[in-house]
């Protein structure tokens, strides 16, 4: 995942969690969290 993709996922997660005008989608939240945490683990291993 590129840095731009990572930042885009973080921004989407932030909107889902914090923007009252955006409908909560729990499945998408968990998917984004899994993708973000997997990327963080890969970077930590380097």
Protein backbone atom coordinates (compact mmCIF):
# COMPACT_ATOMS: atom_id res chain seq x y z
CA UNK A 1 0.00 0.00 0.00
CA UNK A 2 1.38 3.39 -0.94
CA UNK A 3 1.52 6.29 1.49
CA UNK A 4 -1.28 7.99 -0.45
CA UNK A 5 -3.52 4.91 -0.19
CA UNK A 6 -2.74 4.66 3.52
CA UNK A 7 -3.63 8.32 4.11
CA UNK A 8 -6.83 7.93 2.07
CA UNK A 9 -7.92 4.97 4.21
CA UNK A 10 -7.18 6.92 7.39
CA UNK A 11 -9.23 9.86 6.14
CA UNK A 12 -12.14 7.57 5.23
CA UNK A 13 -11.99 5.94 8.65
CA UNK A 14 -11.95 9.35 10.32
CA UNK A 15 -15.03 10.41 8.35
CA UNK A 16 -16.90 7.21 9.19
CA UNK A 17 -16.17 7.61 12.89
CA UNK A 18 -16.45 11.36 13.34
CA UNK A 19 -18.66 12.94 10.68
CA UNK A 20 -22.29 13.00 11.85
CA UNK A 21 -23.46 13.39 8.23
CA UNK A 22 -21.84 10.11 7.16
CA UNK A 23 -23.78 6.91 7.79
CA UNK A 24 -21.91 4.47 10.02
CA UNK A 25 -20.88 1.31 8.19
CA UNK A 26 -19.41 -1.09 10.79
CA UNK A 27 -18.18 -3.57 8.18
CA UNK A 28 -16.26 -0.85 6.36
CA UNK A 29 -14.81 0.44 9.65
CA UNK A 30 -13.49 -3.04 10.54
CA UNK A 31 -12.14 -3.56 7.02
CA UNK A 32 -10.28 -0.25 7.11
CA UNK A 33 -8.90 -0.99 10.57
CA UNK A 34 -7.64 -4.38 9.41
CA UNK A 35 -5.96 -2.89 6.32
CA UNK A 36 -4.40 -0.03 8.29
CA UNK A 37 -3.12 -2.27 11.07
CA UNK A 38 -1.68 -4.77 8.56
CA UNK A 39 0.21 -1.94 6.89
CA UNK A 40 1.50 -0.69 10.24
CA UNK A 41 2.71 -4.19 11.12
CA UNK A 42 4.53 -4.50 7.79
CA UNK A 43 6.25 -1.16 8.34
CA UNK A 44 7.22 -2.09 11.91
CA UNK A 45 8.97 -5.22 10.69
CA UNK A 46 11.26 -3.28 8.37
